[in-house]
Each structure stands twice: as structure tokens, then as C-alpha cells.
Amino acid sequence: MWGQIGTSAFDVKFGRFEAADLFPVGKDVYVESAVAFADPTATVGYRANSLRGRTAGSVAHLALTANLGVASLEVGVVESKADGAVKGIRPAVSFNVGPASVKVGFESGQTNATAGGVFSLDPTTGAITASAAAAQEKFEGFGGTVGLPLAGGTVNLNAASGKNKTTDTKSSSYGVVGVFGPAGVALISDKTGNVKQTTVYAAYSLPLFNTGATITPAVSSSRSSGLKTVSGAALRVNYTF
């Protein structure tokens, strides 16, 4: 749940919401990850969305947005004292250049320390393990997207680069995403340290009878050096009230 107050020139949004998307991936469907399939606790790449919002746990999130006429400035702030939660600041600017729409932003924050001892089930091996304690980690990064009209649809060119300042680990992601009416396709390249991953997906939305809802089947495939290529299918039903 979230709320918003203000005017057409300035407003404040608060609650559980998502701020400006600096790395849009088109259709909102589940996409496979070869790295996550091999290790559910592992992540690869950076998409400038660590402080975008709608994170789990007890988190306070607000965003101040100012309409400057030629551009829109959004400044998001996330605060939490929960173990393992992220907090920090995330400014982003949106503007148009001719037919192109542009969004660029920066985020700087930290991941809180965790005490460890949380038990979980490994879906691959079936083993039950306890999480280890983790120290506080600081991070920062930037990202941006350029949306271009093409063949009656939109193609987004995405790029983001970030760094874990505590471990000195660099991550980056690049993507080409196209949405043409009900169809969506994407090619995304992720990298963290020496680990690289390439993912492709395609999706198509169909009306669900006369309910006003849509059903979106999607297929995706992800590969990473030294790991098994993972492919899968997903189905998403969406209804807007």
C-alpha cells in the first residue's frame, strides 16, 4: 500500500511502491537466471534498482518528485534497521530528447549487517542450512535507459554499473529490450567480478476471454560460463482494477 500527496508541480509518495525504473525489462514476467539456478543465494549484475523500492521486511520508503517542465526530478529515500535490509538515497532525472525518452539516476546506500542463524531449505539439494552472519556493506552505482520508438513499438537501451565499496566488487548490466504491442523480447548481459551471464526472453500478452484481464506466456534462456544453461517458461495473469 502506498499514498501520494502534492500538486502537478511537486508531490511526495510514501509506502510500498516502486520508484523510477532505470533498467526496464519490458514484460513483467519471471525470467530464468543460470547463476541463481546454480546457487539461489547468488546474484549477478547490477540494474540500479537496489533502492527502487518494494523490498521485503520493515522498510520506510518515500520519494519527492519535482516537475521542472523540461525534466522531472525524483529523489527517493529508503530507511530500515532490519537485518540484511538496504537503505540509502536514489535521485533520478527523466526527460525527453526529440522522440527519445531518457532516464538516468544514481544510488548510494548500504546493506545492514545480519546476525545469521536463519534456517532455509536448498531447493536443489534438499539440504537445510543456517545462514552465516554478514557484515554491513556499502554500495553505490548509476544507471540509465533510453527509449526509442520503432516499428510502432518501443526499444529501450539500458546500462548500469555499480560497486560494492566494502568488498571492492564491481557489477554491471546491459540490455536491449523491445515491446511491440502485446509482444516483448529482450537480450540482457550481466557481470559481477569475473562471472558473466547472458539471458534472452520472449513474451506475448493475450486477452483472457472477456474478463478484461490478460494472460502472458513467456519463455527465457540463461547461460553463464561453467554453468548449465537454464531454460524455462512462465505464465502471468494480470488484471487492472
Protein backbone atom coordinates (compact mmCIF):
# COMPACT_ATOMS: atom_id res chain seq x y z
CA MET A 1 0.00 0.00 0.00
CA TRP A 2 1.23 3.47 -0.80
CA GLY A 3 0.00 7.07 -0.77
CA GLN A 4 0.75 10.26 -2.68
CA ILE A 5 0.12 13.92 -1.88
CA GLY A 6 1.06 17.11 -3.71
CA THR A 7 0.37 19.06 -6.89
CA SER A 8 1.23 18.73 -10.58
CA ALA A 9 4.49 20.58 -9.82
CA PHE A 10 5.58 18.74 -6.67
CA ASP A 11 4.49 15.63 -4.81
CA VAL A 12 5.55 13.14 -2.18
CA LYS A 13 4.95 9.40 -2.46
CA PHE A 14 5.29 7.08 0.53
CA GLY A 15 4.67 3.45 1.44
CA ARG A 16 5.42 0.31 -0.54
CA PHE A 17 5.94 1.33 -4.18
CA GLU A 18 8.49 1.26 -6.99
CA ALA A 19 10.38 4.42 -7.94
CA ALA A 20 11.62 5.32 -11.46
CA ASP A 21 12.70 2.28 -13.49
CA LEU A 22 16.26 2.85 -14.71
CA PHE A 23 16.56 -0.63 -16.26
CA PRO A 24 13.17 -1.61 -17.73
CA VAL A 25 12.95 -5.19 -18.98
CA GLY A 26 9.62 -4.92 -20.82
CA LYS A 27 7.05 -7.54 -19.94
CA ASP A 28 6.65 -8.10 -16.20
CA VAL A 29 7.32 -11.86 -16.22
CA TYR A 30 9.64 -14.27 -14.41
CA VAL A 31 12.94 -14.75 -16.28
CA GLU A 32 15.41 -17.59 -15.64
CA SER A 33 18.93 -16.98 -14.25
CA ALA A 34 21.68 -19.58 -14.72
CA VAL A 35 23.64 -18.21 -11.75
CA ALA A 36 20.64 -18.16 -9.39
CA PHE A 37 19.64 -21.67 -10.51
CA ALA A 38 23.11 -22.96 -9.55
CA ASP A 39 23.13 -21.02 -6.26
CA PRO A 40 19.81 -19.47 -5.08
CA THR A 41 21.73 -17.09 -2.79
CA ALA A 42 23.93 -15.71 -5.60
CA THR A 43 23.25 -12.66 -7.76
CA VAL A 44 24.99 -11.34 -10.84
CA GLY A 45 24.87 -7.95 -12.49
CA TYR A 46 23.61 -4.57 -11.33
CA ARG A 47 20.48 -2.83 -12.63
CA ALA A 48 20.33 0.33 -10.48
CA ASN A 49 17.29 -0.99 -8.60
CA SER A 50 18.70 -1.80 -5.15
CA LEU A 51 16.89 1.23 -3.70
CA ARG A 52 13.94 1.33 -6.12
CA GLY A 53 11.52 0.03 -3.50
CA ARG A 54 9.05 -2.78 -2.74
CA THR A 55 11.71 -4.65 -0.79
CA ALA A 56 10.85 -7.25 1.82
CA GLY A 57 10.83 -6.55 5.53
CA SER A 58 10.20 -3.44 7.60
CA VAL A 59 11.27 -0.59 5.31
CA ALA A 60 10.35 3.12 5.20
CA HIS A 61 10.34 4.49 1.65
CA LEU A 62 9.43 7.90 0.31
CA ALA A 63 10.11 9.79 -2.92
CA LEU A 64 9.98 13.52 -3.59
CA THR A 65 9.19 14.41 -7.22
CA ALA A 66 9.50 17.86 -8.79
CA ASN A 67 8.23 18.63 -12.29
CA LEU A 68 10.74 21.08 -13.73
CA GLY A 69 8.99 21.50 -17.05
CA VAL A 70 11.70 20.15 -19.33
CA ALA A 71 12.53 17.37 -16.87
CA SER A 72 11.25 15.53 -13.81
CA LEU A 73 13.46 15.07 -10.74
CA GLU A 74 12.75 12.26 -8.28
CA VAL A 75 14.68 11.79 -5.04
CA GLY A 76 13.98 8.54 -3.23
CA VAL A 77 14.97 7.72 0.34
CA VAL A 78 14.89 4.23 1.88
CA GLU A 79 15.43 3.61 5.59
CA SER A 80 15.44 0.37 7.58
CA LYS A 81 17.07 -1.09 10.67
CA ALA A 82 16.19 -4.69 9.80
CA ASP A 83 18.95 -7.30 9.37
CA GLY A 84 20.10 -7.52 5.76
CA ALA A 85 17.85 -4.68 4.58
CA VAL A 86 19.06 -1.93 2.25
CA LYS A 87 18.85 1.80 2.92
CA GLY A 88 20.11 4.92 1.19
CA ILE A 89 19.27 7.64 -1.32
CA ARG A 90 18.35 7.39 -5.02
CA PRO A 91 17.97 10.52 -7.21
CA ALA A 92 16.75 10.10 -10.80
CA VAL A 93 16.01 12.50 -13.68
CA SER A 94 13.59 11.87 -16.56
CA PHE A 95 13.42 13.96 -19.74
CA ASN A 96 12.83 13.78 -23.49
CA VAL A 97 15.27 14.39 -26.33
CA GLY A 98 13.27 14.62 -29.54
CA PRO A 99 11.35 11.34 -29.87
CA ALA A 100 13.55 9.61 -27.27
CA SER A 101 12.70 9.32 -23.57
CA VAL A 102 15.66 9.30 -21.17
CA LYS A 103 16.00 8.30 -17.52
CA VAL A 104 19.27 8.48 -15.59
CA GLY A 105 19.93 8.04 -11.90
CA PHE A 106 22.32 7.26 -9.08
CA GLU A 107 22.00 5.33 -5.85
CA SER A 108 24.18 5.23 -2.76
CA GLY A 109 23.45 3.14 0.29
CA GLN A 110 24.29 0.18 2.45
CA THR A 111 23.09 -3.30 3.29
CA ASN A 112 22.63 -3.80 7.03
CA ALA A 113 24.57 -6.47 8.89
CA THR A 114 22.87 -9.79 9.63
CA ALA A 115 23.20 -11.89 12.77
CA GLY A 116 22.88 -15.20 10.89
CA GLY A 117 21.30 -18.40 12.14
CA VAL A 118 18.28 -18.29 9.83
CA PHE A 119 17.47 -21.79 8.53
CA SER A 120 16.49 -22.36 4.90
CA LEU A 121 15.86 -25.26 2.53
CA ASP A 122 18.05 -25.57 -0.58
CA PRO A 123 15.57 -26.33 -3.40
CA THR A 124 18.30 -28.01 -5.47
CA THR A 125 19.83 -30.41 -2.90
CA GLY A 126 17.09 -30.53 -0.27
CA ALA A 127 19.64 -29.67 2.43
CA ILE A 128 18.69 -27.46 5.38
CA THR A 129 21.33 -24.88 6.24
CA ALA A 130 21.71 -21.96 8.61
CA SER A 131 22.71 -18.59 7.21
CA ALA A 132 26.04 -17.12 8.30
CA ALA A 133 26.43 -13.71 9.88
CA ALA A 134 27.24 -10.93 7.41
CA ALA A 135 28.85 -7.56 7.99
CA GLN A 136 27.43 -4.25 6.85
CA GLU A 137 28.25 -3.49 3.21
CA LYS A 138 28.18 -0.16 1.37
CA PHE A 139 27.37 0.21 -2.32
CA GLU A 140 26.86 2.81 -5.00
CA GLY A 141 26.03 2.80 -8.68
CA PHE A 142 24.35 4.53 -11.57
CA GLY A 143 22.14 3.52 -14.45
CA GLY A 144 20.07 4.82 -17.30
CA THR A 145 17.76 3.92 -20.14
CA VAL A 146 16.92 5.46 -23.49
CA GLY A 147 13.55 4.62 -25.03
CA LEU A 148 13.20 4.93 -28.81
CA PRO A 149 10.05 4.49 -30.94
CA LEU A 150 10.48 1.74 -33.53
CA ALA A 151 8.02 -0.04 -35.83
CA GLY A 152 5.02 1.02 -33.76
CA GLY A 153 6.66 -0.10 -30.51
CA THR A 154 9.44 0.95 -28.18
CA VAL A 155 13.03 -0.21 -27.86
CA ASN A 156 14.91 0.50 -24.64
CA LEU A 157 18.70 0.59 -24.43
CA ASN A 158 19.72 0.02 -20.79
CA ALA A 159 23.05 0.30 -18.99
CA ALA A 160 24.01 0.24 -15.31
CA SER A 161 27.23 -0.07 -13.31
CA GLY A 162 27.69 -0.46 -9.57
CA LYS A 163 30.28 -1.25 -6.93
CA ASN A 164 30.25 -2.92 -3.54
CA LYS A 165 32.56 -0.50 -1.74
CA THR A 166 33.14 -2.90 1.15
CA THR A 167 34.35 -5.86 -0.94
CA ASP A 168 35.56 -3.73 -3.90
CA THR A 169 33.45 -5.87 -6.26
CA LYS A 170 32.19 -4.27 -9.48
CA SER A 171 28.98 -5.27 -11.26
CA SER A 172 27.33 -4.15 -14.48
CA SER A 173 24.36 -4.92 -16.73
CA TYR A 174 23.43 -4.02 -20.28
CA GLY A 175 20.17 -4.71 -22.08
CA VAL A 176 18.26 -4.25 -25.31
CA VAL A 177 14.52 -4.59 -24.73
CA GLY A 178 11.72 -4.27 -27.27
CA VAL A 179 7.97 -4.09 -26.71
CA PHE A 180 5.77 -4.13 -29.79
CA GLY A 181 2.12 -4.10 -28.82
CA PRO A 182 1.45 -7.37 -26.98
CA ALA A 183 4.90 -8.83 -27.78
CA GLY A 184 8.11 -8.34 -25.82
CA VAL A 185 11.70 -9.53 -26.40
CA ALA A 186 14.94 -8.85 -24.54
CA LEU A 187 18.66 -9.57 -24.51
CA ILE A 188 20.40 -8.85 -21.20
CA SER A 189 24.07 -9.21 -20.24
CA ASP A 190 25.06 -9.25 -16.54
CA LYS A 191 28.50 -9.32 -14.92
CA THR A 192 29.82 -9.39 -11.34
CA GLY A 193 33.58 -9.71 -10.92
CA ASN A 194 34.60 -12.45 -13.37
CA VAL A 195 31.13 -14.04 -13.51
CA LYS A 196 29.16 -13.29 -16.69
CA GLN A 197 25.60 -14.19 -17.61
CA THR A 198 23.57 -13.73 -20.81
CA THR A 199 19.79 -14.02 -20.79
CA VAL A 200 17.16 -13.83 -23.54
CA TYR A 201 13.38 -13.92 -23.23
CA ALA A 202 10.23 -13.51 -25.30
CA ALA A 203 6.66 -12.93 -24.12
CA TYR A 204 3.23 -12.30 -25.63
CA SER A 205 0.11 -10.97 -23.89
CA LEU A 206 -3.35 -12.25 -24.81
CA PRO A 207 -6.81 -11.17 -23.63
CA LEU A 208 -8.31 -13.60 -21.11
CA PHE A 209 -11.78 -14.16 -22.60
CA ASN A 210 -13.98 -11.13 -21.79
CA THR A 211 -12.74 -10.58 -18.24
CA GLY A 212 -10.60 -7.51 -19.00
CA ALA A 213 -7.54 -9.43 -17.80
CA THR A 214 -4.54 -10.50 -19.86
CA ILE A 215 -2.56 -13.72 -19.80
CA THR A 216 1.12 -13.56 -20.74
CA PRO A 217 3.09 -16.72 -21.58
CA ALA A 218 6.88 -16.24 -21.70
CA VAL A 219 9.98 -18.29 -22.45
CA SER A 220 13.54 -17.50 -21.39
CA SER A 221 17.03 -18.97 -21.52
CA SER A 222 20.08 -18.04 -19.46
CA ARG A 223 23.69 -19.16 -19.69
CA SER A 224 26.87 -18.46 -17.73
CA SER A 225 30.43 -19.72 -18.16
CA GLY A 226 30.98 -23.06 -16.43
CA LEU A 227 27.31 -23.48 -15.54
CA LYS A 228 24.42 -25.36 -17.07
CA THR A 229 22.26 -23.37 -19.49
CA VAL A 230 18.84 -22.91 -17.90
CA SER A 231 15.64 -22.51 -19.92
CA GLY A 232 12.08 -22.19 -18.72
CA ALA A 233 8.55 -20.98 -19.32
CA ALA A 234 6.30 -18.76 -17.23
CA LEU A 235 2.68 -17.66 -17.29
CA ARG A 236 1.41 -14.43 -15.79
CA VAL A 237 -2.19 -13.28 -15.38
CA ASN A 238 -2.75 -9.55 -14.93
CA TYR A 239 -5.93 -7.69 -14.09
CA THR A 240 -6.01 -3.91 -13.61
CA PHE A 241 -8.75 -2.64 -11.31
